[in-house]
Amino acid sequence: MRPLALALLFTHLAAVAAGIEARAQSRPPRGSMTARMTCAEAMALVRSEGDVVIATGAAPERFVSGPGQCASSEIAELRFAPTRDNPQCPIGYQCREPGFEEWNW
């Protein structure tokens, strides 16, 4: 490529990157998606998808419909999330590695 073409390409890429960064910073923080749903809707979403990432608060969390969705070394733990009609709705399970004391020796 010619030096001018490279300079234009890099300028364009820098402008695109700056635009993406500006849009990301101007976005309002996302609230809890589950807070907008009823408990039944949130449970149905996890059950129908089987494995879904949902924003329940500050950070998105992965929910699964049952232990079969977890890796063989993980255990499924029932998780609760706030919904429009229930502050502790049992929407699904979360996969996690068991602690040392939880292994069945």
Protein backbone atom coordinates (compact mmCIF):
# COMPACT_ATOMS: atom_id res chain seq x y z
CA MET A 1 0.00 0.00 0.00
CA ARG A 2 1.03 3.54 -0.56
CA PRO A 3 1.93 5.69 2.46
CA LEU A 4 -1.05 8.01 1.88
CA ALA A 5 -3.47 5.09 1.68
CA LEU A 6 -2.03 3.63 4.89
CA ALA A 7 -2.31 6.98 6.63
CA LEU A 8 -5.96 7.31 5.56
CA LEU A 9 -6.70 3.75 6.65
CA PHE A 10 -5.17 4.29 10.09
CA THR A 11 -6.98 7.62 10.47
CA HIS A 12 -10.28 5.94 9.59
CA LEU A 13 -9.66 3.06 12.00
CA ALA A 14 -8.76 5.49 14.79
CA ALA A 15 -11.95 7.47 14.16
CA VAL A 16 -14.06 4.31 14.20
CA ALA A 17 -12.41 3.15 17.44
CA ALA A 18 -12.96 6.56 19.05
CA GLY A 19 -16.62 6.51 17.99
CA ILE A 20 -17.16 3.06 19.49
CA GLU A 21 -15.49 4.13 22.73
CA ALA A 22 -17.60 7.29 22.91
CA ARG A 23 -20.82 5.33 22.35
CA ALA A 24 -19.88 2.79 25.02
CA GLN A 25 -19.25 5.55 27.53
CA SER A 26 -22.47 7.42 26.72
CA ARG A 27 -24.69 4.37 27.17
CA PRO A 28 -26.74 4.46 30.34
CA PRO A 29 -25.89 1.64 32.72
CA ARG A 30 -28.12 -1.35 32.15
CA GLY A 31 -30.35 -2.22 35.01
CA SER A 32 -31.51 -5.64 35.95
CA MET A 33 -33.27 -7.40 33.09
CA THR A 34 -35.01 -9.70 35.55
CA ALA A 35 -36.49 -6.73 37.42
CA ARG A 36 -38.62 -6.04 34.33
CA MET A 37 -39.90 -9.64 34.12
CA THR A 38 -42.30 -11.58 36.28
CA CYS A 39 -40.92 -14.59 38.11
CA ALA A 40 -42.76 -16.94 35.76
CA GLU A 41 -41.32 -15.17 32.68
CA ALA A 42 -37.75 -15.35 34.00
CA MET A 43 -38.11 -19.03 34.90
CA ALA A 44 -39.63 -19.79 31.49
CA LEU A 45 -36.78 -17.98 29.72
CA VAL A 46 -34.12 -20.07 31.47
CA ARG A 47 -36.12 -23.28 31.00
CA SER A 48 -36.70 -22.66 27.27
CA GLU A 49 -33.13 -21.56 26.48
CA GLY A 50 -31.41 -24.13 28.70
CA ASP A 51 -28.34 -21.90 29.06
CA VAL A 52 -28.70 -18.11 29.13
CA VAL A 53 -26.78 -15.06 30.33
CA ILE A 54 -29.02 -12.54 32.10
CA ALA A 55 -28.25 -9.24 33.77
CA THR A 56 -29.61 -9.60 37.29
CA GLY A 57 -27.76 -6.69 38.86
CA ALA A 58 -24.30 -5.20 38.44
CA ALA A 59 -22.90 -7.98 36.26
CA PRO A 60 -24.48 -10.52 33.90
CA GLU A 61 -24.75 -14.06 35.21
CA ARG A 62 -25.07 -17.40 33.44
CA PHE A 63 -28.15 -19.42 34.37
CA VAL A 64 -28.88 -22.99 33.29
CA SER A 65 -32.07 -25.02 33.41
CA GLY A 66 -30.52 -27.94 35.26
CA PRO A 67 -27.39 -29.86 36.27
CA GLY A 68 -27.10 -31.40 32.80
CA GLN A 69 -26.02 -28.01 31.42
CA CYS A 70 -22.94 -27.87 33.69
CA ALA A 71 -19.51 -29.32 32.97
CA SER A 72 -18.79 -32.70 34.53
CA SER A 73 -16.57 -31.12 37.19
CA GLU A 74 -19.18 -28.50 38.17
CA ILE A 75 -22.20 -28.61 40.43
CA ALA A 76 -25.51 -26.83 39.83
CA GLU A 77 -26.61 -24.47 42.57
CA LEU A 78 -30.12 -23.01 42.66
CA ARG A 79 -29.95 -19.24 42.13
CA PHE A 80 -32.43 -16.53 42.96
CA ALA A 81 -32.88 -13.19 41.20
CA PRO A 82 -35.15 -10.21 41.84
CA THR A 83 -38.10 -10.00 39.47
CA ARG A 84 -40.98 -7.58 39.16
CA ASP A 85 -43.24 -9.67 41.40
CA ASN A 86 -40.77 -11.63 43.56
CA PRO A 87 -37.59 -10.31 45.20
CA GLN A 88 -36.16 -13.86 45.36
CA CYS A 89 -37.35 -15.75 42.32
CA PRO A 90 -35.69 -19.17 41.78
CA ILE A 91 -35.04 -18.63 38.07
CA GLY A 92 -32.53 -21.41 37.49
CA TYR A 93 -29.19 -22.86 38.41
CA GLN A 94 -25.65 -21.55 38.29
CA CYS A 95 -22.73 -23.87 37.54
CA ARG A 96 -19.72 -23.65 39.80
CA GLU A 97 -16.66 -25.63 40.77
CA PRO A 98 -17.13 -27.30 44.15
CA GLY A 99 -14.85 -26.36 47.01
CA PHE A 100 -12.41 -28.88 48.46
CA GLU A 101 -14.72 -29.68 51.37
CA GLU A 102 -17.63 -30.43 48.99
CA TRP A 103 -15.94 -33.30 47.14
CA ASN A 104 -17.40 -36.69 47.91
CA TRP A 105 -14.22 -38.62 48.72
